[in-house]
Amino acid sequence: MISFHATHVSVTKEDWGTIVMWSADDNLASERYLVLQAADEYDEQDVRLGMDDIYIETCGQGWSWYGNLESFELTRNRVLVQLSHEAATHMGNDGKIEATFFLGAGAYKRLRKTLQKIFEGKDYYRDGTA
């Protein structure tokens, strides 16, 4: 399992969609991070190229996929991700990623609301906060 404490958590709204990042440091020097990118809309080319799903990247661009998520769980101070067997095999581990973090109430509320929107309709998303 990849496990780290994220001292940097960000939610960024771009003109094309949203980026959510958990990182052990501000400049990604340690390569201990988890990034999600979700487009607001997908076009025909995205569909044709298999890029019409949530993009996930961890610990370097070599470990990045569109989709390949089996579970994503948010709790008040942690996210726990299970990637597909294919992704786990590529990574040479069990495909689990855990990032712990601490956010104030307002920042956590924004993170939670953003993840609920990104994962809307995805049955593998769990919000353990409630």
N, C-alpha and C. Protein backbone atom coordinates (compact mmCIF):
# COMPACT_ATOMS: atom_id res chain seq x y z
N MET A 1 0.85 -1.18 0.00
CA MET A 1 0.00 0.00 0.00
C MET A 1 0.89 1.24 0.00
N ILE A 2 0.47 2.23 -0.76
CA ILE A 2 1.09 3.54 -0.70
C ILE A 2 0.35 4.32 0.38
N SER A 3 1.09 4.83 1.34
CA SER A 3 0.47 5.56 2.43
C SER A 3 1.33 6.76 2.77
N PHE A 4 0.70 7.92 2.92
CA PHE A 4 1.43 9.12 3.28
C PHE A 4 0.49 10.11 3.95
N HIS A 5 1.10 11.07 4.65
CA HIS A 5 0.32 12.16 5.25
C HIS A 5 0.44 13.36 4.33
N ALA A 6 -0.68 13.89 3.89
CA ALA A 6 -0.71 15.05 3.00
C ALA A 6 -0.72 16.33 3.82
N THR A 7 0.36 17.07 3.71
CA THR A 7 0.41 18.38 4.35
C THR A 7 -0.20 19.45 3.46
N HIS A 8 -0.40 19.10 2.21
CA HIS A 8 -0.96 20.02 1.22
C HIS A 8 -2.17 19.35 0.57
N VAL A 9 -3.35 19.95 0.72
CA VAL A 9 -4.57 19.46 0.09
C VAL A 9 -5.16 20.64 -0.67
N SER A 10 -5.44 20.44 -1.96
CA SER A 10 -6.00 21.55 -2.74
C SER A 10 -7.14 21.09 -3.62
N VAL A 11 -8.06 22.00 -3.82
CA VAL A 11 -9.19 21.82 -4.75
C VAL A 11 -9.12 23.02 -5.68
N THR A 12 -8.94 22.75 -6.97
CA THR A 12 -8.80 23.82 -7.95
C THR A 12 -9.83 23.66 -9.05
N LYS A 13 -10.58 24.71 -9.29
CA LYS A 13 -11.55 24.71 -10.38
C LYS A 13 -10.88 25.34 -11.59
N GLU A 14 -10.82 24.61 -12.68
CA GLU A 14 -10.26 25.09 -13.94
C GLU A 14 -11.41 25.32 -14.92
N ASP A 15 -11.12 25.93 -16.06
CA ASP A 15 -12.18 26.18 -17.04
C ASP A 15 -12.70 24.88 -17.67
N TRP A 16 -11.95 23.80 -17.62
CA TRP A 16 -12.34 22.51 -18.20
C TRP A 16 -12.88 21.52 -17.16
N GLY A 17 -12.60 21.78 -15.88
CA GLY A 17 -13.03 20.82 -14.85
C GLY A 17 -12.39 21.11 -13.51
N THR A 18 -12.11 20.05 -12.74
CA THR A 18 -11.63 20.19 -11.36
C THR A 18 -10.42 19.31 -11.11
N ILE A 19 -9.49 19.84 -10.30
CA ILE A 19 -8.32 19.10 -9.86
C ILE A 19 -8.35 19.04 -8.33
N VAL A 20 -8.18 17.85 -7.78
CA VAL A 20 -8.08 17.67 -6.34
C VAL A 20 -6.74 16.98 -6.08
N MET A 21 -5.96 17.54 -5.14
CA MET A 21 -4.63 16.99 -4.87
C MET A 21 -4.38 16.87 -3.37
N TRP A 22 -3.78 15.74 -3.03
CA TRP A 22 -3.24 15.50 -1.69
C TRP A 22 -1.75 15.27 -1.91
N SER A 23 -0.90 16.01 -1.19
CA SER A 23 0.53 15.87 -1.39
C SER A 23 1.28 15.97 -0.07
N ALA A 24 2.35 15.20 0.03
CA ALA A 24 3.18 15.23 1.22
C ALA A 24 3.98 16.52 1.31
N ASP A 25 4.13 17.24 0.21
CA ASP A 25 4.83 18.53 0.20
C ASP A 25 4.24 19.42 -0.88
N ASP A 26 4.50 20.70 -0.78
CA ASP A 26 3.89 21.67 -1.69
C ASP A 26 4.37 21.56 -3.13
N ASN A 27 5.59 21.13 -3.36
CA ASN A 27 6.15 21.13 -4.72
C ASN A 27 6.28 19.74 -5.34
N LEU A 28 5.71 18.73 -4.71
CA LEU A 28 5.69 17.34 -5.18
C LEU A 28 7.08 16.71 -5.26
N ALA A 29 8.06 17.30 -4.59
CA ALA A 29 9.43 16.78 -4.65
C ALA A 29 9.53 15.34 -4.15
N SER A 30 8.73 15.00 -3.16
CA SER A 30 8.80 13.65 -2.59
C SER A 30 8.10 12.62 -3.47
N GLU A 31 7.34 13.08 -4.43
CA GLU A 31 6.51 12.21 -5.27
C GLU A 31 5.56 11.35 -4.45
N ARG A 32 5.15 11.86 -3.31
CA ARG A 32 4.11 11.22 -2.50
C ARG A 32 2.87 12.08 -2.65
N TYR A 33 2.04 11.72 -3.61
CA TYR A 33 0.85 12.51 -3.87
C TYR A 33 -0.22 11.66 -4.53
N LEU A 34 -1.42 12.22 -4.51
CA LEU A 34 -2.57 11.64 -5.17
C LEU A 34 -3.31 12.78 -5.84
N VAL A 35 -3.58 12.66 -7.12
CA VAL A 35 -4.28 13.70 -7.88
C VAL A 35 -5.47 13.08 -8.58
N LEU A 36 -6.58 13.79 -8.52
CA LEU A 36 -7.77 13.46 -9.31
C LEU A 36 -8.05 14.62 -10.24
N GLN A 37 -8.43 14.31 -11.48
CA GLN A 37 -8.89 15.33 -12.40
C GLN A 37 -10.19 14.84 -13.01
N ALA A 38 -11.17 15.72 -13.02
CA ALA A 38 -12.47 15.36 -13.58
C ALA A 38 -12.94 16.50 -14.48
N ALA A 39 -13.19 16.19 -15.72
CA ALA A 39 -13.69 17.19 -16.67
C ALA A 39 -15.17 17.43 -16.42
N ASP A 40 -15.58 18.66 -16.69
CA ASP A 40 -17.01 18.98 -16.58
C ASP A 40 -17.81 18.28 -17.66
N GLU A 41 -17.21 18.12 -18.83
CA GLU A 41 -17.85 17.44 -19.96
C GLU A 41 -16.80 16.65 -20.72
N TYR A 42 -17.25 15.58 -21.36
CA TYR A 42 -16.36 14.79 -22.20
C TYR A 42 -16.87 14.86 -23.63
N ASP A 43 -15.95 15.01 -24.58
CA ASP A 43 -16.36 15.08 -25.98
C ASP A 43 -16.16 13.72 -26.65
N GLU A 44 -16.48 13.66 -27.93
CA GLU A 44 -16.39 12.39 -28.68
C GLU A 44 -14.97 11.85 -28.69
N GLN A 45 -14.00 12.74 -28.79
CA GLN A 45 -12.60 12.30 -28.81
C GLN A 45 -12.21 11.69 -27.46
N ASP A 46 -12.66 12.29 -26.36
CA ASP A 46 -12.39 11.71 -25.05
C ASP A 46 -12.94 10.30 -24.97
N VAL A 47 -14.16 10.12 -25.45
CA VAL A 47 -14.81 8.80 -25.42
C VAL A 47 -14.01 7.82 -26.29
N ARG A 48 -13.67 8.24 -27.48
CA ARG A 48 -12.94 7.38 -28.42
C ARG A 48 -11.58 6.94 -27.85
N LEU A 49 -10.92 7.84 -27.11
CA LEU A 49 -9.59 7.55 -26.57
C LEU A 49 -9.63 6.94 -25.17
N GLY A 50 -10.84 6.72 -24.63
CA GLY A 50 -10.97 6.14 -23.30
C GLY A 50 -10.62 7.13 -22.19
N MET A 51 -10.74 8.42 -22.48
CA MET A 51 -10.40 9.46 -21.52
C MET A 51 -11.66 10.11 -20.93
N ASP A 52 -12.75 9.40 -20.94
CA ASP A 52 -14.03 9.94 -20.48
C ASP A 52 -14.37 9.44 -19.08
N ASP A 53 -13.38 9.45 -18.22
CA ASP A 53 -13.56 9.02 -16.84
C ASP A 53 -12.63 9.86 -15.96
N ILE A 54 -12.72 9.68 -14.68
CA ILE A 54 -11.87 10.39 -13.74
C ILE A 54 -10.42 9.96 -13.96
N TYR A 55 -9.54 10.94 -14.04
CA TYR A 55 -8.10 10.70 -14.17
C TYR A 55 -7.51 10.65 -12.77
N ILE A 56 -6.72 9.63 -12.51
CA ILE A 56 -6.06 9.50 -11.22
C ILE A 56 -4.58 9.29 -11.46
N GLU A 57 -3.77 9.95 -10.63
CA GLU A 57 -2.32 9.84 -10.73
C GLU A 57 -1.75 9.80 -9.32
N THR A 58 -0.76 8.95 -9.12
CA THR A 58 -0.11 8.87 -7.82
C THR A 58 1.38 8.62 -8.00
N CYS A 59 2.18 9.32 -7.25
CA CYS A 59 3.62 9.07 -7.16
C CYS A 59 4.34 9.09 -8.51
N GLY A 60 3.93 9.94 -9.41
CA GLY A 60 4.58 10.08 -10.71
C GLY A 60 3.64 9.75 -11.85
N GLN A 61 3.92 10.33 -13.01
CA GLN A 61 3.02 10.14 -14.15
C GLN A 61 3.00 8.72 -14.67
N GLY A 62 3.98 7.92 -14.29
CA GLY A 62 3.99 6.51 -14.69
C GLY A 62 2.86 5.71 -14.07
N TRP A 63 2.29 6.23 -13.00
CA TRP A 63 1.18 5.58 -12.33
C TRP A 63 -0.04 6.48 -12.46
N SER A 64 -0.62 6.46 -13.64
CA SER A 64 -1.79 7.30 -13.92
C SER A 64 -2.74 6.57 -14.85
N TRP A 65 -4.04 6.79 -14.63
CA TRP A 65 -5.06 6.10 -15.40
C TRP A 65 -6.30 6.97 -15.52
N TYR A 66 -7.08 6.69 -16.53
CA TYR A 66 -8.46 7.17 -16.60
C TYR A 66 -9.30 6.01 -16.11
N GLY A 67 -10.03 6.26 -15.05
CA GLY A 67 -10.81 5.18 -14.45
C GLY A 67 -9.92 4.27 -13.62
N ASN A 68 -10.15 2.99 -13.72
CA ASN A 68 -9.41 1.97 -12.96
C ASN A 68 -9.59 2.12 -11.46
N LEU A 69 -10.66 2.77 -11.04
CA LEU A 69 -10.98 2.91 -9.62
C LEU A 69 -12.00 1.85 -9.22
N GLU A 70 -11.68 1.07 -8.22
CA GLU A 70 -12.64 0.10 -7.68
C GLU A 70 -13.35 0.66 -6.46
N SER A 71 -12.64 1.48 -5.67
CA SER A 71 -13.28 2.14 -4.54
C SER A 71 -12.52 3.42 -4.19
N PHE A 72 -13.29 4.36 -3.69
CA PHE A 72 -12.72 5.63 -3.21
C PHE A 72 -13.55 6.02 -2.00
N GLU A 73 -12.88 6.08 -0.85
CA GLU A 73 -13.59 6.38 0.40
C GLU A 73 -13.00 7.63 1.04
N LEU A 74 -13.87 8.54 1.41
CA LEU A 74 -13.49 9.75 2.12
C LEU A 74 -13.98 9.65 3.56
N THR A 75 -13.09 9.91 4.50
CA THR A 75 -13.48 10.10 5.90
C THR A 75 -12.94 11.46 6.32
N ARG A 76 -13.19 11.84 7.52
CA ARG A 76 -12.86 13.20 7.97
C ARG A 76 -11.38 13.53 7.86
N ASN A 77 -10.52 12.54 7.96
CA ASN A 77 -9.09 12.82 7.90
C ASN A 77 -8.30 11.87 7.01
N ARG A 78 -9.00 11.25 6.03
CA ARG A 78 -8.32 10.26 5.21
C ARG A 78 -9.09 9.98 3.93
N VAL A 79 -8.34 9.68 2.88
CA VAL A 79 -8.94 9.08 1.69
C VAL A 79 -8.26 7.73 1.50
N LEU A 80 -9.04 6.75 1.09
CA LEU A 80 -8.54 5.41 0.84
C LEU A 80 -9.04 4.98 -0.54
N VAL A 81 -8.10 4.64 -1.39
CA VAL A 81 -8.40 4.31 -2.78
C VAL A 81 -8.00 2.87 -3.05
N GLN A 82 -8.83 2.16 -3.79
CA GLN A 82 -8.46 0.84 -4.30
C GLN A 82 -8.52 0.92 -5.81
N LEU A 83 -7.38 0.70 -6.44
CA LEU A 83 -7.32 0.69 -7.89
C LEU A 83 -7.61 -0.71 -8.42
N SER A 84 -7.86 -0.82 -9.70
CA SER A 84 -8.16 -2.09 -10.34
C SER A 84 -6.97 -3.05 -10.27
N HIS A 85 -7.25 -4.31 -10.52
CA HIS A 85 -6.20 -5.33 -10.56
C HIS A 85 -5.14 -4.95 -11.60
N GLU A 86 -5.58 -4.46 -12.74
CA GLU A 86 -4.66 -4.06 -13.82
C GLU A 86 -3.70 -2.97 -13.33
N ALA A 87 -4.25 -1.95 -12.67
CA ALA A 87 -3.40 -0.86 -12.16
C ALA A 87 -2.47 -1.37 -11.08
N ALA A 88 -2.98 -2.20 -10.17
CA ALA A 88 -2.16 -2.75 -9.09
C ALA A 88 -0.99 -3.57 -9.65
N THR A 89 -1.27 -4.36 -10.67
CA THR A 89 -0.22 -5.16 -11.29
C THR A 89 0.86 -4.25 -11.88
N HIS A 90 0.43 -3.19 -12.56
CA HIS A 90 1.37 -2.22 -13.13
C HIS A 90 2.23 -1.59 -12.03
N MET A 91 1.62 -1.30 -10.88
CA MET A 91 2.32 -0.67 -9.77
C MET A 91 3.19 -1.66 -9.00
N GLY A 92 2.90 -2.95 -9.13
CA GLY A 92 3.65 -3.96 -8.41
C GLY A 92 3.31 -4.02 -6.93
N ASN A 93 2.06 -3.64 -6.60
CA ASN A 93 1.61 -3.72 -5.22
C ASN A 93 0.12 -4.07 -5.20
N ASP A 94 -0.56 -3.78 -4.09
CA ASP A 94 -1.96 -4.16 -3.97
C ASP A 94 -2.94 -3.11 -4.54
N GLY A 95 -2.41 -2.02 -5.06
CA GLY A 95 -3.27 -1.00 -5.68
C GLY A 95 -4.01 -0.12 -4.69
N LYS A 96 -3.59 -0.16 -3.42
CA LYS A 96 -4.23 0.69 -2.41
C LYS A 96 -3.40 1.94 -2.19
N ILE A 97 -4.11 3.05 -2.03
CA ILE A 97 -3.48 4.34 -1.74
C ILE A 97 -4.22 4.95 -0.57
N GLU A 98 -3.47 5.37 0.43
CA GLU A 98 -4.07 6.02 1.59
C GLU A 98 -3.35 7.35 1.80
N ALA A 99 -4.14 8.41 1.91
CA ALA A 99 -3.59 9.72 2.25
C ALA A 99 -4.35 10.25 3.45
N THR A 100 -3.63 10.50 4.53
CA THR A 100 -4.24 11.13 5.69
C THR A 100 -4.00 12.63 5.58
N PHE A 101 -4.83 13.41 6.25
CA PHE A 101 -4.71 14.86 6.15
C PHE A 101 -5.45 15.50 7.31
N PHE A 102 -5.21 16.78 7.50
CA PHE A 102 -5.97 17.56 8.45
C PHE A 102 -6.39 18.84 7.76
N LEU A 103 -7.70 19.12 7.77
CA LEU A 103 -8.24 20.36 7.20
C LEU A 103 -9.19 20.98 8.20
N GLY A 104 -9.25 22.30 8.19
CA GLY A 104 -10.26 22.99 8.98
C GLY A 104 -11.64 22.68 8.42
N ALA A 105 -12.66 23.03 9.17
CA ALA A 105 -14.04 22.69 8.80
C ALA A 105 -14.44 23.23 7.43
N GLY A 106 -14.12 24.47 7.13
CA GLY A 106 -14.51 25.06 5.84
C GLY A 106 -13.83 24.40 4.66
N ALA A 107 -12.52 24.16 4.77
CA ALA A 107 -11.77 23.51 3.69
C ALA A 107 -12.24 22.08 3.50
N TYR A 108 -12.53 21.39 4.60
CA TYR A 108 -13.01 20.01 4.49
C TYR A 108 -14.38 19.97 3.82
N LYS A 109 -15.25 20.90 4.17
CA LYS A 109 -16.58 20.96 3.56
C LYS A 109 -16.47 21.15 2.04
N ARG A 110 -15.55 22.02 1.60
CA ARG A 110 -15.33 22.24 0.17
C ARG A 110 -14.80 20.97 -0.50
N LEU A 111 -13.84 20.31 0.14
CA LEU A 111 -13.29 19.07 -0.40
C LEU A 111 -14.40 18.03 -0.55
N ARG A 112 -15.17 17.85 0.49
CA ARG A 112 -16.25 16.86 0.49
C ARG A 112 -17.27 17.13 -0.61
N LYS A 113 -17.69 18.38 -0.72
CA LYS A 113 -18.67 18.76 -1.75
C LYS A 113 -18.11 18.53 -3.15
N THR A 114 -16.84 18.85 -3.34
CA THR A 114 -16.20 18.65 -4.65
C THR A 114 -16.13 17.17 -5.00
N LEU A 115 -15.71 16.35 -4.04
CA LEU A 115 -15.63 14.91 -4.32
C LEU A 115 -17.01 14.31 -4.59
N GLN A 116 -18.03 14.76 -3.87
CA GLN A 116 -19.38 14.27 -4.13
C GLN A 116 -19.80 14.60 -5.57
N LYS A 117 -19.44 15.77 -6.04
CA LYS A 117 -19.77 16.16 -7.42
C LYS A 117 -18.98 15.34 -8.43
N ILE A 118 -17.67 15.20 -8.20
CA ILE A 118 -16.82 14.44 -9.12
C ILE A 118 -17.30 13.00 -9.25
N PHE A 119 -17.67 12.39 -8.12
CA PHE A 119 -18.03 10.98 -8.11
C PHE A 119 -19.54 10.74 -8.22
N GLU A 120 -20.29 11.76 -8.54
CA GLU A 120 -21.75 11.60 -8.65
C GLU A 120 -22.10 10.47 -9.62
N GLY A 121 -22.93 9.55 -9.14
CA GLY A 121 -23.36 8.42 -9.96
C GLY A 121 -22.39 7.24 -9.96
N LYS A 122 -21.25 7.37 -9.30
CA LYS A 122 -20.27 6.28 -9.25
C LYS A 122 -20.55 5.44 -8.01
N ASP A 123 -20.84 4.17 -8.20
CA ASP A 123 -21.22 3.33 -7.07
C ASP A 123 -20.04 2.94 -6.19
N TYR A 124 -18.81 3.20 -6.63
CA TYR A 124 -17.64 2.85 -5.83
C TYR A 124 -17.22 3.96 -4.87
N TYR A 125 -17.90 5.09 -4.89
CA TYR A 125 -17.57 6.21 -3.99
C TYR A 125 -18.29 6.05 -2.66
N ARG A 126 -17.54 6.20 -1.59
CA ARG A 126 -18.12 6.12 -0.24
C ARG A 126 -17.70 7.37 0.53
N ASP A 127 -18.67 7.97 1.16
CA ASP A 127 -18.44 9.11 2.02
C ASP A 127 -18.70 8.66 3.44
N GLY A 128 -17.63 8.35 4.16
CA GLY A 128 -17.76 7.85 5.51
C GLY A 128 -17.86 8.95 6.55
N THR A 129 -18.01 10.19 6.10
CA THR A 129 -18.08 11.32 7.00
C THR A 129 -19.42 11.37 7.73
N ALA A 130 -20.46 11.06 7.00
CA ALA A 130 -21.81 11.20 7.56
C ALA A 130 -22.09 10.22 8.67
